[in-house]
N, C-alpha and C. Protein backbone atom coordinates (compact mmCIF):
# COMPACT_ATOMS: atom_id res chain seq x y z
N MET A 1 104.75 124.60 -70.73
CA MET A 1 105.20 123.43 -71.21
C MET A 1 105.92 123.55 -72.87
N ILE A 2 107.03 122.41 -73.03
CA ILE A 2 107.79 122.71 -74.40
C ILE A 2 107.16 121.11 -75.04
N ASP A 3 106.84 121.22 -76.38
CA ASP A 3 106.75 120.04 -76.61
C ASP A 3 108.31 119.92 -77.42
N LEU A 4 108.84 118.86 -77.33
CA LEU A 4 110.27 118.75 -78.04
C LEU A 4 109.65 117.24 -78.75
N TYR A 5 109.68 117.31 -79.87
CA TYR A 5 109.98 116.15 -81.51
C TYR A 5 111.21 115.85 -81.43
N TYR A 6 111.67 114.86 -81.13
CA TYR A 6 113.07 114.16 -80.75
C TYR A 6 113.61 112.42 -81.46
N ALA A 7 114.44 112.43 -82.14
CA ALA A 7 114.88 111.27 -82.34
C ALA A 7 116.67 111.21 -81.78
N PRO A 8 117.06 110.06 -81.27
CA PRO A 8 118.03 110.66 -80.85
C PRO A 8 119.32 110.63 -81.85
N THR A 9 119.52 111.60 -82.94
CA THR A 9 120.16 112.29 -83.05
C THR A 9 121.52 113.13 -82.27
N PRO A 10 122.18 113.67 -82.95
CA PRO A 10 123.33 115.22 -81.98
C PRO A 10 122.63 116.03 -82.15
N ASN A 11 121.16 115.92 -83.57
CA ASN A 11 120.51 117.44 -83.41
C ASN A 11 119.60 117.37 -82.04
N GLY A 12 119.19 116.20 -82.14
CA GLY A 12 117.73 115.91 -81.02
C GLY A 12 118.91 116.29 -79.62
N HIS A 13 119.75 115.56 -79.58
CA HIS A 13 120.71 115.89 -78.39
C HIS A 13 120.94 116.72 -77.88
N LYS A 14 120.85 118.22 -78.77
CA LYS A 14 121.34 119.51 -78.58
C LYS A 14 120.24 120.05 -77.27
N ILE A 15 118.96 120.23 -78.41
CA ILE A 15 118.24 120.69 -77.32
C ILE A 15 117.88 119.89 -76.09
N THR A 16 117.53 118.64 -75.94
CA THR A 16 117.37 118.01 -74.80
C THR A 16 118.47 118.50 -73.69
N LEU A 17 119.72 118.53 -74.16
CA LEU A 17 120.89 119.56 -73.11
C LEU A 17 120.39 120.60 -72.71
N PHE A 18 120.27 121.44 -73.57
CA PHE A 18 119.45 122.81 -73.72
C PHE A 18 118.35 122.81 -72.27
N LEU A 19 117.35 122.16 -72.44
CA LEU A 19 116.49 122.20 -71.75
C LEU A 19 116.65 121.74 -70.56
N GLU A 20 117.36 120.43 -70.28
CA GLU A 20 118.04 120.41 -69.12
C GLU A 20 119.26 121.15 -67.89
N GLU A 21 119.97 122.15 -69.07
CA GLU A 21 120.84 122.68 -68.30
C GLU A 21 119.66 124.52 -68.05
N ALA A 22 119.12 124.62 -68.92
CA ALA A 22 117.92 125.98 -67.63
C ALA A 22 117.13 125.23 -67.12
N GLU A 23 116.70 124.02 -67.25
CA GLU A 23 115.62 123.88 -66.21
C GLU A 23 114.30 123.91 -66.63
N LEU A 24 114.23 123.43 -68.03
CA LEU A 24 112.74 123.83 -68.35
C LEU A 24 111.81 122.96 -68.35
N ALA A 25 110.49 123.27 -68.23
CA ALA A 25 109.68 121.95 -68.68
C ALA A 25 109.68 121.17 -69.53
N TYR A 26 109.52 120.46 -69.96
CA TYR A 26 109.14 119.80 -71.34
C TYR A 26 108.48 118.46 -71.40
N ARG A 27 107.98 118.34 -72.30
CA ARG A 27 108.10 116.82 -72.58
C ARG A 27 108.19 116.51 -74.11
N LEU A 28 108.96 114.92 -74.03
CA LEU A 28 109.83 114.47 -75.12
C LEU A 28 109.05 113.59 -75.93
N ILE A 29 108.82 113.74 -77.48
CA ILE A 29 107.85 113.05 -77.83
C ILE A 29 108.62 112.86 -79.29
N ARG A 30 109.03 111.18 -79.18
CA ARG A 30 109.44 110.56 -80.10
C ARG A 30 109.14 110.86 -81.21
N VAL A 31 110.19 110.90 -82.25
CA VAL A 31 109.27 110.94 -83.55
C VAL A 31 110.36 109.47 -84.24
N ASP A 32 110.11 108.44 -84.54
CA ASP A 32 110.54 107.43 -85.36
C ASP A 32 110.70 107.92 -86.73
N ILE A 33 112.55 108.12 -87.41
CA ILE A 33 112.50 108.61 -88.68
C ILE A 33 113.17 107.31 -89.02
N GLY A 34 113.09 105.93 -88.64
CA GLY A 34 113.35 104.73 -88.70
C GLY A 34 111.42 104.20 -90.07
N LYS A 35 110.95 104.64 -89.32
CA LYS A 35 109.05 104.48 -89.99
C LYS A 35 108.72 105.67 -90.45
N GLY A 36 109.60 106.63 -90.53
CA GLY A 36 109.17 107.68 -92.04
C GLY A 36 108.17 108.65 -91.15
N GLU A 37 107.84 108.64 -89.48
CA GLU A 37 106.86 109.75 -89.00
C GLU A 37 107.25 111.12 -89.36
N GLN A 38 108.56 111.85 -89.58
CA GLN A 38 109.07 112.89 -89.76
C GLN A 38 108.16 113.10 -91.38
N PHE A 39 107.41 112.40 -92.14
CA PHE A 39 106.92 112.63 -93.28
C PHE A 39 105.47 112.69 -92.88
N HIS A 40 104.82 112.58 -91.49
CA HIS A 40 103.02 112.31 -91.42
C HIS A 40 103.27 113.59 -91.35
N PRO A 41 101.89 114.35 -91.71
CA PRO A 41 101.13 115.72 -91.74
C PRO A 41 101.29 116.55 -90.39
N GLN A 42 100.65 115.82 -89.39
CA GLN A 42 101.03 116.85 -88.48
C GLN A 42 102.39 117.01 -88.20
N PHE A 43 102.76 116.27 -87.80
CA PHE A 43 104.61 116.33 -87.97
C PHE A 43 105.01 117.81 -88.74
N LEU A 44 104.81 117.56 -90.19
CA LEU A 44 105.10 118.63 -91.34
C LEU A 44 104.13 119.44 -91.14
N ALA A 45 103.40 119.81 -90.24
CA ALA A 45 102.96 120.49 -90.21
C ALA A 45 103.72 121.86 -88.75
N ILE A 46 104.33 121.13 -87.92
CA ILE A 46 105.56 121.65 -87.17
C ILE A 46 106.99 121.88 -87.36
N SER A 47 107.23 120.69 -88.86
CA SER A 47 108.44 121.13 -89.27
C SER A 47 108.24 120.87 -90.53
N PRO A 48 108.08 121.75 -91.63
CA PRO A 48 108.20 122.02 -92.77
C PRO A 48 108.89 121.07 -93.89
N ASN A 49 110.56 121.07 -93.24
CA ASN A 49 111.66 120.11 -93.56
C ASN A 49 111.56 118.82 -93.34
N ASN A 50 110.48 117.64 -92.65
CA ASN A 50 110.60 117.06 -92.16
C ASN A 50 112.04 116.29 -91.35
N LYS A 51 112.02 117.30 -90.88
CA LYS A 51 113.65 117.10 -90.13
C LYS A 51 113.42 117.40 -88.65
N VAL A 52 114.18 116.61 -87.66
CA VAL A 52 114.18 116.72 -86.37
C VAL A 52 115.24 117.28 -85.39
N PRO A 53 115.48 118.39 -84.74
CA PRO A 53 114.29 118.21 -83.69
C PRO A 53 113.09 119.52 -84.40
N ALA A 54 112.22 119.31 -83.24
CA ALA A 54 111.89 120.96 -83.66
C ALA A 54 110.66 120.95 -81.93
N ILE A 55 110.17 121.49 -82.02
CA ILE A 55 109.53 122.54 -80.58
C ILE A 55 108.17 123.25 -80.59
N VAL A 56 107.02 122.70 -79.65
CA VAL A 56 106.10 123.60 -79.51
C VAL A 56 106.18 124.25 -78.39
N ASP A 57 106.02 125.32 -78.11
CA ASP A 57 105.98 126.39 -77.11
C ASP A 57 104.61 126.85 -76.92
N HIS A 58 104.29 125.85 -76.12
CA HIS A 58 102.70 126.86 -74.99
C HIS A 58 102.49 127.47 -74.47
N MET A 59 103.45 127.91 -73.98
CA MET A 59 103.30 129.70 -73.16
C MET A 59 104.80 130.37 -74.15
N PRO A 60 104.34 130.44 -75.24
CA PRO A 60 105.14 131.84 -75.72
C PRO A 60 105.09 133.17 -74.63
N ALA A 61 106.54 133.90 -74.62
CA ALA A 61 106.47 135.02 -74.34
C ALA A 61 105.47 136.13 -74.36
N ASP A 62 104.67 135.79 -75.83
CA ASP A 62 103.59 136.90 -76.41
C ASP A 62 102.24 136.57 -75.87
N GLY A 63 102.25 135.36 -74.96
CA GLY A 63 100.70 134.65 -75.24
C GLY A 63 100.07 134.93 -75.73
N GLY A 64 100.35 134.37 -76.68
CA GLY A 64 99.71 134.20 -78.14
C GLY A 64 99.34 132.52 -78.49
N ALA A 65 99.12 131.83 -78.95
CA ALA A 65 99.16 130.95 -79.73
C ALA A 65 100.27 130.29 -79.40
N PRO A 66 100.08 128.25 -79.37
CA PRO A 66 101.35 128.19 -79.55
C PRO A 66 102.35 128.02 -80.89
N LEU A 67 103.44 128.51 -80.42
CA LEU A 67 104.87 128.59 -81.20
C LEU A 67 105.44 127.06 -81.45
N SER A 68 105.81 127.08 -82.93
CA SER A 68 106.51 126.35 -83.69
C SER A 68 107.56 126.57 -83.79
N VAL A 69 108.58 125.83 -83.35
CA VAL A 69 110.21 126.00 -84.27
C VAL A 69 111.26 124.93 -84.63
N PHE A 70 111.30 124.86 -85.73
CA PHE A 70 112.45 123.58 -86.29
C PHE A 70 113.38 124.61 -86.77
N GLU A 71 114.75 123.38 -87.27
CA GLU A 71 116.32 123.06 -87.14
C GLU A 71 116.33 123.98 -85.58
N SER A 72 117.88 122.99 -84.67
CA SER A 72 118.19 122.92 -83.97
C SER A 72 118.76 124.32 -83.25
N GLY A 73 119.59 124.90 -84.59
CA GLY A 73 120.40 126.31 -84.51
C GLY A 73 119.00 127.56 -83.54
N ALA A 74 118.04 127.68 -84.24
CA ALA A 74 116.85 128.30 -84.02
C ALA A 74 115.97 128.20 -82.92
N ILE A 75 116.03 126.86 -83.03
CA ILE A 75 115.39 126.31 -81.43
C ILE A 75 116.78 126.62 -80.41
N LEU A 76 117.92 126.56 -80.03
CA LEU A 76 118.81 127.32 -79.05
C LEU A 76 118.41 128.42 -78.64
N LEU A 77 118.35 129.25 -80.18
CA LEU A 77 118.32 130.60 -79.94
C LEU A 77 116.93 131.10 -78.66
N TYR A 78 115.88 130.33 -79.59
CA TYR A 78 114.77 130.58 -79.20
C TYR A 78 114.89 130.37 -78.01
N LEU A 79 114.75 129.25 -77.35
CA LEU A 79 115.09 129.17 -76.05
C LEU A 79 116.09 129.49 -74.99
N ALA A 80 117.20 130.29 -75.30
CA ALA A 80 118.29 130.93 -74.97
C ALA A 80 117.19 132.46 -75.02
N GLU A 81 116.78 133.22 -75.43
CA GLU A 81 115.92 134.12 -75.63
C GLU A 81 114.80 133.96 -75.07
N LYS A 82 114.02 133.44 -74.44
CA LYS A 82 112.63 132.40 -73.75
C LYS A 82 112.91 132.85 -72.24
N SER A 83 114.46 131.81 -71.78
CA SER A 83 114.96 131.75 -70.62
C SER A 83 115.81 132.42 -70.24
N GLY A 84 116.28 133.60 -71.01
CA GLY A 84 117.64 134.06 -70.71
C GLY A 84 118.83 133.35 -69.97
N LYS A 85 119.31 131.88 -70.36
CA LYS A 85 120.42 131.74 -70.29
C LYS A 85 121.11 131.54 -71.46
N LEU A 86 122.31 130.97 -71.05
CA LEU A 86 123.48 130.25 -72.24
C LEU A 86 123.70 131.25 -73.34
N LEU A 87 123.28 132.39 -73.57
CA LEU A 87 123.81 133.64 -74.30
C LEU A 87 123.28 134.62 -73.20
N SER A 88 124.95 135.23 -73.67
CA SER A 88 125.05 136.67 -73.02
C SER A 88 124.05 137.88 -73.99
N GLY A 89 123.96 138.57 -72.96
CA GLY A 89 123.41 140.01 -73.34
C GLY A 89 123.79 141.03 -73.23
N GLU A 90 125.48 140.55 -73.31
CA GLU A 90 126.85 141.80 -73.70
C GLU A 90 126.47 141.45 -75.32
N LEU A 91 126.55 142.72 -75.71
CA LEU A 91 126.71 142.49 -77.45
C LEU A 91 128.12 142.17 -77.74
N ARG A 92 129.39 142.25 -77.88
CA ARG A 92 130.26 141.15 -77.81
C ARG A 92 130.15 139.82 -77.85
N GLU A 93 130.19 139.44 -76.46
CA GLU A 93 129.82 137.81 -76.57
C GLU A 93 129.18 137.32 -76.89
N ARG A 94 127.31 137.79 -77.22
CA ARG A 94 126.44 137.35 -77.47
C ARG A 94 127.07 137.06 -78.85
N TYR A 95 127.64 137.67 -79.90
CA TYR A 95 127.85 137.88 -81.10
C TYR A 95 129.18 136.93 -81.65
N VAL A 96 129.90 136.23 -80.47
CA VAL A 96 130.63 135.58 -80.40
C VAL A 96 130.13 134.24 -80.67
N THR A 97 129.08 133.92 -79.32
CA THR A 97 128.68 133.06 -79.18
C THR A 97 128.04 132.13 -80.53
N LEU A 98 126.90 133.33 -80.94
CA LEU A 98 126.04 133.35 -82.20
C LEU A 98 126.76 132.80 -83.63
N GLN A 99 128.29 133.56 -83.34
CA GLN A 99 128.97 132.62 -84.63
C GLN A 99 129.43 131.51 -84.79
N TRP A 100 129.93 131.41 -83.34
CA TRP A 100 129.98 129.71 -83.23
C TRP A 100 129.38 129.20 -83.41
N LEU A 101 128.22 128.58 -82.70
CA LEU A 101 126.51 128.15 -83.44
C LEU A 101 126.15 128.15 -84.44
N PHE A 102 126.36 129.25 -85.00
CA PHE A 102 126.43 129.03 -86.95
C PHE A 102 127.10 128.53 -86.99
N TRP A 103 128.50 128.38 -86.74
CA TRP A 103 129.43 127.66 -87.36
C TRP A 103 129.29 126.22 -87.23
N GLN A 104 128.91 125.63 -86.33
CA GLN A 104 128.48 124.21 -86.24
C GLN A 104 127.27 124.11 -86.75
N VAL A 105 125.97 124.89 -86.90
CA VAL A 105 124.61 124.21 -87.39
C VAL A 105 125.46 124.34 -89.21
N GLY A 106 126.25 125.12 -89.50
CA GLY A 106 126.17 125.23 -90.83
C GLY A 106 127.68 124.54 -91.27
N GLY A 107 128.52 123.68 -90.34
CA GLY A 107 129.77 123.64 -90.60
C GLY A 107 130.06 121.91 -90.42
N LEU A 108 130.13 122.18 -89.14
CA LEU A 108 130.34 121.20 -88.35
C LEU A 108 129.38 119.64 -88.25
N GLY A 109 128.42 119.94 -88.16
CA GLY A 109 127.11 119.48 -88.15
C GLY A 109 126.76 118.30 -89.39
N PRO A 110 126.44 119.45 -90.35
CA PRO A 110 126.70 119.45 -91.90
C PRO A 110 127.61 118.08 -92.47
N MET A 111 128.84 118.69 -92.40
CA MET A 111 129.92 118.01 -92.45
C MET A 111 130.08 116.96 -91.84
N LEU A 112 130.04 116.66 -90.67
CA LEU A 112 130.37 115.36 -89.90
C LEU A 112 129.43 114.21 -90.30
N GLY A 113 128.16 114.62 -90.92
CA GLY A 113 127.06 114.02 -91.09
C GLY A 113 127.26 113.08 -92.20
N GLN A 114 127.82 114.39 -93.29
CA GLN A 114 128.13 113.53 -94.82
C GLN A 114 129.55 112.83 -94.46
N ASN A 115 130.36 112.47 -93.46
CA ASN A 115 131.32 111.90 -93.30
C ASN A 115 131.09 110.43 -92.66
N GLN A 116 129.59 110.97 -91.82
CA GLN A 116 129.29 109.45 -91.48
C GLN A 116 128.98 108.39 -92.80
N HIS A 117 127.54 109.62 -93.19
CA HIS A 117 127.28 108.64 -94.19
C HIS A 117 128.23 107.73 -95.23
N PHE A 118 129.05 108.48 -95.86
CA PHE A 118 129.56 108.39 -97.00
C PHE A 118 130.82 106.79 -96.50
N SER A 119 131.03 107.25 -95.19
CA SER A 119 132.05 106.57 -95.01
C SER A 119 131.30 105.43 -94.11
N HIS A 120 130.23 105.51 -93.49
CA HIS A 120 129.42 103.94 -93.04
C HIS A 120 128.16 103.48 -93.20
N SER A 121 127.38 104.54 -94.51
CA SER A 121 126.05 103.84 -94.53
C SER A 121 126.01 104.16 -96.30
N ALA A 122 126.37 105.15 -96.95
CA ALA A 122 126.57 105.31 -97.88
C ALA A 122 125.83 103.94 -98.96
N PRO A 123 124.91 102.90 -99.67
CA PRO A 123 125.02 101.63 -99.80
C PRO A 123 125.92 101.64 -101.63
N GLN A 124 126.89 102.23 -101.26
CA GLN A 124 128.03 101.95 -102.01
C GLN A 124 129.15 102.91 -102.45
N THR A 125 130.27 102.47 -102.45
CA THR A 125 131.65 102.88 -101.54
C THR A 125 132.18 104.32 -102.67
N VAL A 126 132.11 105.17 -102.53
CA VAL A 126 132.68 106.62 -103.15
C VAL A 126 133.22 107.28 -102.63
N PRO A 127 134.40 107.06 -103.37
CA PRO A 127 136.11 107.37 -102.78
C PRO A 127 136.28 108.58 -102.52
N TYR A 128 136.16 109.14 -103.74
CA TYR A 128 136.21 111.04 -103.83
C TYR A 128 135.21 111.62 -102.34
N ALA A 129 133.80 110.86 -102.27
CA ALA A 129 133.23 111.72 -101.27
C ALA A 129 134.01 111.15 -100.06
N ILE A 130 134.20 110.12 -99.85
CA ILE A 130 134.67 109.51 -98.17
C ILE A 130 135.67 110.32 -97.92
N GLU A 131 136.84 110.41 -98.88
CA GLU A 131 137.86 111.33 -98.80
C GLU A 131 137.81 112.77 -98.47
N ARG A 132 136.87 113.33 -99.29
CA ARG A 132 136.10 114.96 -98.92
C ARG A 132 135.61 114.88 -97.71
N PHE A 133 135.21 114.39 -97.36
CA PHE A 133 134.49 114.64 -95.84
C PHE A 133 135.49 114.41 -94.75
N GLN A 134 136.11 113.34 -94.78
CA GLN A 134 137.01 112.88 -93.77
C GLN A 134 138.08 114.27 -94.01
N VAL A 135 138.68 114.65 -94.41
CA VAL A 135 139.17 115.53 -94.76
C VAL A 135 139.00 117.23 -94.33
N GLU A 136 137.81 117.47 -94.68
CA GLU A 136 136.78 118.23 -93.80
C GLU A 136 136.16 118.34 -92.62
N THR A 137 135.85 117.14 -92.11
CA THR A 137 135.81 116.50 -90.41
C THR A 137 136.93 116.81 -90.16
N GLN A 138 138.39 116.33 -90.20
CA GLN A 138 139.71 116.94 -89.71
C GLN A 138 140.24 118.12 -89.65
N ARG A 139 139.53 118.75 -91.01
CA ARG A 139 139.46 120.99 -91.19
C ARG A 139 138.87 120.69 -90.02
N LEU A 140 137.23 120.88 -89.22
CA LEU A 140 136.92 121.25 -88.70
C LEU A 140 137.08 121.44 -87.17
N TYR A 141 137.20 119.67 -86.99
CA TYR A 141 138.04 119.36 -85.69
C TYR A 141 139.38 120.55 -85.72
N GLY A 142 140.07 120.50 -86.41
CA GLY A 142 141.42 121.29 -86.01
C GLY A 142 141.01 122.88 -85.70
N VAL A 143 139.70 123.24 -86.49
CA VAL A 143 138.94 124.99 -86.11
C VAL A 143 138.98 124.86 -84.17
N LEU A 144 138.21 123.32 -84.27
CA LEU A 144 137.36 123.63 -83.05
C LEU A 144 138.49 123.21 -82.03
N ASN A 145 139.91 122.69 -82.28
CA ASN A 145 140.69 122.48 -81.00
C ASN A 145 140.89 123.75 -81.49
N GLN A 146 141.76 124.36 -82.06
CA GLN A 146 142.12 125.88 -81.90
C GLN A 146 141.41 126.64 -81.26
N ARG A 147 139.95 126.70 -81.71
CA ARG A 147 139.31 127.87 -80.62
C ARG A 147 139.50 126.96 -78.88
N LEU A 148 139.11 125.92 -78.82
CA LEU A 148 139.41 125.65 -77.53
C LEU A 148 140.48 125.54 -76.64
N GLY A 149 141.95 125.67 -77.70
CA GLY A 149 142.70 126.05 -77.10
C GLY A 149 143.63 127.43 -76.69
N CYS A 150 142.51 128.29 -76.93
CA CYS A 150 142.50 129.84 -76.19
C CYS A 150 141.44 130.52 -75.64
N SER A 151 140.32 129.45 -75.66
CA SER A 151 139.11 129.83 -74.88
C SER A 151 138.45 128.79 -74.14
N PRO A 152 137.86 128.71 -72.87
CA PRO A 152 137.50 127.89 -71.93
C PRO A 152 136.31 127.52 -73.17
N TRP A 153 135.56 127.92 -73.57
CA TRP A 153 134.39 127.83 -74.66
C TRP A 153 133.86 128.55 -75.75
N LEU A 154 132.93 127.78 -76.62
CA LEU A 154 133.08 128.09 -77.76
C LEU A 154 132.85 129.36 -78.08
N GLY A 155 132.21 130.11 -77.33
CA GLY A 155 131.61 131.43 -76.65
C GLY A 155 132.36 132.44 -76.08
N GLY A 156 133.38 131.97 -75.13
CA GLY A 156 134.05 132.62 -75.19
C GLY A 156 134.55 132.08 -73.42
N ASP A 157 133.92 133.19 -72.87
CA ASP A 157 134.90 132.67 -71.23
C ASP A 157 133.80 131.92 -70.53
N HIS A 158 132.41 132.30 -71.01
CA HIS A 158 131.30 130.97 -69.98
C HIS A 158 130.56 130.30 -71.17
N TYR A 159 130.06 129.33 -70.37
CA TYR A 159 129.49 128.74 -70.98
C TYR A 159 128.55 128.52 -72.20
N SER A 160 127.97 127.86 -73.28
CA SER A 160 126.88 128.58 -74.03
C SER A 160 126.13 127.93 -74.89
N ILE A 161 125.00 128.38 -75.88
CA ILE A 161 124.12 127.34 -76.87
C ILE A 161 125.29 127.19 -77.78
N ALA A 162 126.64 128.12 -77.95
CA ALA A 162 127.50 126.94 -79.04
C ALA A 162 128.37 126.06 -78.51
N ASP A 163 128.20 125.97 -77.27
CA ASP A 163 128.66 124.81 -76.78
C ASP A 163 127.62 123.77 -76.35
N ILE A 164 126.58 123.72 -76.54
CA ILE A 164 125.46 122.92 -76.70
C ILE A 164 125.39 122.42 -77.83
N ALA A 165 125.65 123.19 -79.05
CA ALA A 165 125.46 122.95 -80.35
C ALA A 165 126.15 122.07 -80.75
N ALA A 166 127.19 121.97 -80.48
CA ALA A 166 128.57 121.12 -81.34
C ALA A 166 128.92 120.41 -79.81
N TRP A 167 128.56 119.63 -79.07
CA TRP A 167 129.01 118.88 -77.82
C TRP A 167 128.62 117.56 -78.52
N PRO A 168 127.20 117.34 -78.86
CA PRO A 168 126.68 115.96 -79.76
C PRO A 168 127.98 115.61 -80.69
N TRP A 169 128.87 116.56 -81.51
CA TRP A 169 128.96 116.10 -82.70
C TRP A 169 131.15 115.82 -82.13
N GLY A 170 130.89 115.91 -80.97
CA GLY A 170 132.73 115.91 -80.69
C GLY A 170 132.58 115.44 -79.06
N GLU A 171 134.00 115.56 -78.26
CA GLU A 171 134.20 115.16 -76.83
C GLU A 171 134.42 116.65 -76.20
N LEU A 172 133.46 117.96 -76.69
CA LEU A 172 133.22 119.08 -75.67
C LEU A 172 133.39 118.49 -74.24
N PRO A 173 133.95 119.73 -73.31
CA PRO A 173 133.79 119.60 -72.13
C PRO A 173 132.02 120.04 -71.94
N CYS A 174 131.10 119.33 -70.46
CA CYS A 174 130.28 119.23 -70.81
C CYS A 174 129.37 119.43 -69.34
N PRO A 175 128.97 120.52 -68.81
CA PRO A 175 128.44 120.50 -67.54
C PRO A 175 126.98 119.36 -67.18
N THR A 176 126.82 119.54 -66.16
CA THR A 176 126.02 119.08 -65.39
C THR A 176 124.86 117.70 -66.09
N ALA A 177 124.23 118.04 -66.94
CA ALA A 177 122.89 117.32 -67.40
C ALA A 177 123.61 115.78 -68.16
N TYR A 178 124.49 116.06 -69.22
CA TYR A 178 124.86 114.97 -69.94
C TYR A 178 126.06 113.89 -68.87
N ARG A 179 127.11 114.88 -68.37
CA ARG A 179 127.90 114.14 -67.84
C ARG A 179 127.59 112.79 -66.80
N SER A 180 126.57 112.62 -66.00
CA SER A 180 126.25 111.60 -65.47
C SER A 180 124.88 110.82 -66.43
N GLY A 181 124.45 111.16 -67.97
CA GLY A 181 124.01 110.40 -69.02
C GLY A 181 122.49 110.35 -68.28
N GLU A 182 122.46 111.59 -67.55
CA GLU A 182 120.77 111.29 -66.71
C GLU A 182 120.06 112.64 -67.26
N LEU A 183 118.88 112.70 -67.37
CA LEU A 183 118.00 114.08 -67.87
C LEU A 183 117.49 114.53 -66.09
N SER A 184 117.45 115.29 -65.56
CA SER A 184 116.70 116.17 -64.54
C SER A 184 115.78 116.86 -64.78
N GLY A 185 115.68 117.85 -65.68
CA GLY A 185 114.65 118.90 -65.60
C GLY A 185 113.55 118.36 -65.96
N GLY A 186 112.70 117.34 -65.54
CA GLY A 186 111.04 116.92 -65.72
C GLY A 186 110.16 116.61 -66.75
N ALA A 187 111.60 115.86 -68.12
CA ALA A 187 111.18 115.33 -69.39
C ALA A 187 110.11 114.37 -69.30
N GLN A 188 109.14 114.45 -70.05
CA GLN A 188 108.07 113.89 -69.49
C GLN A 188 108.44 112.69 -71.39
N LEU A 189 108.17 111.87 -71.36
CA LEU A 189 108.37 110.71 -72.50
C LEU A 189 106.76 110.19 -73.05
N VAL A 190 106.84 110.87 -74.11
CA VAL A 190 105.23 110.30 -74.78
C VAL A 190 105.60 108.97 -75.66
């Protein structure tokens, strides 16, 4: 069983999407970031950067003690390797997928997050920041559109963790779990 420490954010959705697509059993543990639960010592022991999502795998492949993993890209990579799903074992396809996964976690997600913050949530209007992040958001969507114009999926010919990572930040095509808006893989809400 995997415990998923979750908030309904794009990064949180990435992990629920993977778990549903891979049909892995998990328990959903909500972390109320509005109430500061991400700063509680119990959560910091799992995610020292005080960010969601994070997981605890109670049955890691090595048979050892439960394993904590934080940061959405690391979680997706861990789960793909654990399950053998949504990440090719073929060298070239695997690294194309990983390049696009890292593009999302290092570029698309952070820049869109900053765009959202400065455009809608900042306590004061900062025109330079708004323009900077809007321009970068448009550029990144251009990169995304260009890639999907020449490839059916970010990672190449197959749906992968790269698509799962990018989907909550845009409107990528998405198989099964989120198409209907229903989760089916045995999630248990805690």
